[in-house]
Amino acid sequence: MEHRGQNQLAQDYTETCEAKTRRGTECRNAAVPGKLRCRFHGGLSTGPTSQGGKDRIAEAQRYRWERWRAAADS
């Protein structure tokens, strides 16, 4: 049986980032613990914190759902 170090065992059980790169391939970085993305693809993001940022996100979501519903009705 081949000896494998602790580092290799840790890598085997580390979740990988679920983001797609600009080339269309999957990101191969480790995801931030408890998240689905690596630090480069928003895993460290806490989301908007200012009221203006929260308002922009809410408006973007409303617009997104309007487009989705329009496409579903078509």
N, C-alpha and C. Protein backbone atom coordinates (compact mmCIF):
# COMPACT_ATOMS: atom_id res chain seq x y z
N MET A 1 0.84 -1.18 0.00
CA MET A 1 0.00 0.00 0.00
C MET A 1 0.89 1.24 0.00
N GLU A 2 0.53 2.20 -0.79
CA GLU A 2 1.31 3.42 -0.92
C GLU A 2 1.04 4.36 0.24
N HIS A 3 2.11 4.95 0.78
CA HIS A 3 1.96 5.91 1.89
C HIS A 3 1.52 7.26 1.34
N ARG A 4 0.50 7.83 1.96
CA ARG A 4 0.03 9.16 1.57
C ARG A 4 0.09 10.06 2.79
N GLY A 5 0.64 11.23 2.63
CA GLY A 5 0.79 12.15 3.74
C GLY A 5 -0.52 12.81 4.13
N GLN A 6 -0.48 13.50 5.26
CA GLN A 6 -1.66 14.20 5.75
C GLN A 6 -2.15 15.24 4.75
N ASN A 7 -1.22 15.90 4.07
CA ASN A 7 -1.60 16.92 3.11
C ASN A 7 -2.45 16.33 1.99
N GLN A 8 -2.08 15.16 1.49
CA GLN A 8 -2.84 14.53 0.42
C GLN A 8 -4.22 14.12 0.91
N LEU A 9 -4.32 13.61 2.13
CA LEU A 9 -5.62 13.24 2.67
C LEU A 9 -6.51 14.46 2.83
N ALA A 10 -5.94 15.57 3.27
CA ALA A 10 -6.72 16.80 3.41
C ALA A 10 -7.21 17.27 2.06
N GLN A 11 -6.39 17.15 1.03
CA GLN A 11 -6.80 17.57 -0.31
C GLN A 11 -7.93 16.70 -0.84
N ASP A 12 -7.93 15.43 -0.49
CA ASP A 12 -8.97 14.52 -0.97
C ASP A 12 -10.35 14.91 -0.44
N TYR A 13 -10.42 15.50 0.75
CA TYR A 13 -11.70 15.81 1.37
C TYR A 13 -12.04 17.29 1.34
N THR A 14 -11.27 18.08 0.62
CA THR A 14 -11.52 19.51 0.51
C THR A 14 -12.52 19.75 -0.62
N GLU A 15 -13.53 20.55 -0.35
CA GLU A 15 -14.49 20.91 -1.38
C GLU A 15 -13.82 21.86 -2.37
N THR A 16 -14.13 21.72 -3.64
CA THR A 16 -13.57 22.62 -4.64
C THR A 16 -14.60 23.68 -5.01
N CYS A 17 -14.10 24.78 -5.49
CA CYS A 17 -14.93 25.91 -5.89
C CYS A 17 -15.85 25.47 -7.03
N GLU A 18 -17.11 25.91 -6.99
CA GLU A 18 -18.08 25.52 -8.01
C GLU A 18 -18.20 26.56 -9.13
N ALA A 19 -17.33 27.56 -9.14
CA ALA A 19 -17.40 28.62 -10.15
C ALA A 19 -16.80 28.14 -11.47
N LYS A 20 -17.21 28.78 -12.54
CA LYS A 20 -16.63 28.53 -13.85
C LYS A 20 -15.65 29.66 -14.16
N THR A 21 -14.54 29.32 -14.78
CA THR A 21 -13.57 30.34 -15.16
C THR A 21 -14.01 31.01 -16.45
N ARG A 22 -13.29 32.04 -16.85
CA ARG A 22 -13.63 32.73 -18.09
C ARG A 22 -13.45 31.82 -19.30
N ARG A 23 -12.60 30.82 -19.17
CA ARG A 23 -12.41 29.86 -20.26
C ARG A 23 -13.52 28.82 -20.32
N GLY A 24 -14.38 28.80 -19.30
CA GLY A 24 -15.47 27.84 -19.28
C GLY A 24 -15.16 26.57 -18.51
N THR A 25 -13.95 26.47 -18.00
CA THR A 25 -13.58 25.30 -17.21
C THR A 25 -13.94 25.54 -15.74
N GLU A 26 -13.93 24.47 -14.96
CA GLU A 26 -14.24 24.61 -13.54
C GLU A 26 -13.02 25.14 -12.80
N CYS A 27 -13.27 25.99 -11.82
CA CYS A 27 -12.21 26.49 -10.96
C CYS A 27 -11.69 25.32 -10.14
N ARG A 28 -10.38 25.23 -9.98
CA ARG A 28 -9.79 24.11 -9.26
C ARG A 28 -9.31 24.49 -7.86
N ASN A 29 -9.59 25.72 -7.42
CA ASN A 29 -9.18 26.14 -6.09
C ASN A 29 -10.10 25.54 -5.03
N ALA A 30 -9.59 25.48 -3.81
CA ALA A 30 -10.39 24.99 -2.69
C ALA A 30 -11.41 26.05 -2.30
N ALA A 31 -12.62 25.62 -2.00
CA ALA A 31 -13.66 26.55 -1.56
C ALA A 31 -13.37 27.00 -0.13
N VAL A 32 -13.83 28.19 0.20
CA VAL A 32 -13.72 28.68 1.57
C VAL A 32 -14.55 27.74 2.44
N PRO A 33 -14.04 27.32 3.60
CA PRO A 33 -14.81 26.39 4.45
C PRO A 33 -16.22 26.91 4.74
N GLY A 34 -17.20 26.08 4.48
CA GLY A 34 -18.60 26.45 4.71
C GLY A 34 -19.24 27.18 3.55
N LYS A 35 -18.49 27.42 2.48
CA LYS A 35 -19.01 28.14 1.32
C LYS A 35 -18.85 27.27 0.08
N LEU A 36 -19.39 27.75 -1.04
CA LEU A 36 -19.30 27.01 -2.29
C LEU A 36 -18.27 27.59 -3.25
N ARG A 37 -17.68 28.74 -2.89
CA ARG A 37 -16.75 29.42 -3.78
C ARG A 37 -15.40 29.64 -3.10
N CYS A 38 -14.37 29.78 -3.91
CA CYS A 38 -13.04 30.10 -3.39
C CYS A 38 -12.94 31.60 -3.12
N ARG A 39 -11.83 32.03 -2.56
CA ARG A 39 -11.68 33.44 -2.22
C ARG A 39 -11.64 34.33 -3.45
N PHE A 40 -11.26 33.79 -4.60
CA PHE A 40 -11.20 34.58 -5.82
C PHE A 40 -12.57 34.76 -6.47
N HIS A 41 -13.50 33.86 -6.20
CA HIS A 41 -14.82 33.91 -6.83
C HIS A 41 -15.93 34.29 -5.86
N GLY A 42 -15.60 34.99 -4.80
CA GLY A 42 -16.62 35.53 -3.90
C GLY A 42 -16.87 34.75 -2.64
N GLY A 43 -16.04 33.78 -2.31
CA GLY A 43 -16.24 33.01 -1.10
C GLY A 43 -16.05 33.82 0.18
N LEU A 44 -15.27 34.89 0.10
CA LEU A 44 -15.04 35.73 1.28
C LEU A 44 -16.02 36.89 1.34
N SER A 45 -16.87 37.02 0.33
CA SER A 45 -17.81 38.13 0.30
C SER A 45 -18.87 37.97 1.38
N THR A 46 -19.18 39.07 2.05
CA THR A 46 -20.25 39.06 3.05
C THR A 46 -21.52 39.67 2.50
N GLY A 47 -21.49 40.08 1.24
CA GLY A 47 -22.66 40.70 0.63
C GLY A 47 -22.68 42.19 0.91
N PRO A 48 -23.68 42.89 0.40
CA PRO A 48 -23.75 44.33 0.61
C PRO A 48 -24.04 44.65 2.08
N THR A 49 -23.38 45.69 2.58
CA THR A 49 -23.59 46.07 3.97
C THR A 49 -24.23 47.44 4.11
N SER A 50 -24.01 48.33 3.14
CA SER A 50 -24.62 49.66 3.23
C SER A 50 -26.07 49.59 2.74
N GLN A 51 -26.86 50.55 3.13
CA GLN A 51 -28.26 50.56 2.70
C GLN A 51 -28.36 50.73 1.19
N GLY A 52 -27.47 51.56 0.62
CA GLY A 52 -27.47 51.74 -0.83
C GLY A 52 -27.16 50.44 -1.56
N GLY A 53 -26.19 49.69 -1.04
CA GLY A 53 -25.84 48.40 -1.64
C GLY A 53 -26.98 47.41 -1.55
N LYS A 54 -27.64 47.38 -0.42
CA LYS A 54 -28.79 46.47 -0.25
C LYS A 54 -29.93 46.85 -1.18
N ASP A 55 -30.14 48.16 -1.38
CA ASP A 55 -31.18 48.61 -2.29
C ASP A 55 -30.86 48.22 -3.73
N ARG A 56 -29.59 48.34 -4.13
CA ARG A 56 -29.19 47.96 -5.49
C ARG A 56 -29.40 46.47 -5.73
N ILE A 57 -29.05 45.65 -4.75
CA ILE A 57 -29.23 44.21 -4.88
C ILE A 57 -30.72 43.86 -4.98
N ALA A 58 -31.54 44.51 -4.16
CA ALA A 58 -32.98 44.24 -4.18
C ALA A 58 -33.57 44.61 -5.54
N GLU A 59 -33.15 45.74 -6.10
CA GLU A 59 -33.64 46.17 -7.41
C GLU A 59 -33.18 45.20 -8.50
N ALA A 60 -31.94 44.76 -8.42
CA ALA A 60 -31.42 43.81 -9.40
C ALA A 60 -32.20 42.49 -9.34
N GLN A 61 -32.55 42.04 -8.15
CA GLN A 61 -33.32 40.80 -8.01
C GLN A 61 -34.74 40.96 -8.57
N ARG A 62 -35.35 42.11 -8.31
CA ARG A 62 -36.69 42.34 -8.87
C ARG A 62 -36.64 42.32 -10.40
N TYR A 63 -35.63 42.99 -10.97
CA TYR A 63 -35.48 43.03 -12.42
C TYR A 63 -35.24 41.62 -12.96
N ARG A 64 -34.41 40.84 -12.28
CA ARG A 64 -34.10 39.48 -12.71
C ARG A 64 -35.36 38.62 -12.73
N TRP A 65 -36.18 38.71 -11.67
CA TRP A 65 -37.39 37.90 -11.61
C TRP A 65 -38.43 38.36 -12.62
N GLU A 66 -38.48 39.66 -12.93
CA GLU A 66 -39.39 40.14 -13.98
C GLU A 66 -39.02 39.51 -15.32
N ARG A 67 -37.73 39.51 -15.64
CA ARG A 67 -37.27 38.91 -16.90
C ARG A 67 -37.55 37.41 -16.91
N TRP A 68 -37.34 36.73 -15.78
CA TRP A 68 -37.57 35.30 -15.70
C TRP A 68 -39.04 34.97 -15.92
N ARG A 69 -39.92 35.75 -15.27
CA ARG A 69 -41.36 35.51 -15.43
C ARG A 69 -41.82 35.79 -16.85
N ALA A 70 -41.26 36.84 -17.47
CA ALA A 70 -41.62 37.15 -18.86
C ALA A 70 -41.19 36.02 -19.79
N ALA A 71 -40.01 35.46 -19.55
CA ALA A 71 -39.53 34.36 -20.38
C ALA A 71 -40.37 33.10 -20.15
N ALA A 72 -40.80 32.88 -18.92
CA ALA A 72 -41.62 31.70 -18.61
C ALA A 72 -43.00 31.80 -19.24
N ASP A 73 -43.53 33.02 -19.34
CA ASP A 73 -44.85 33.22 -19.94
C ASP A 73 -44.81 33.09 -21.46
N SER A 74 -43.65 33.31 -22.04
CA SER A 74 -43.53 33.26 -23.51
C SER A 74 -43.55 31.85 -24.03
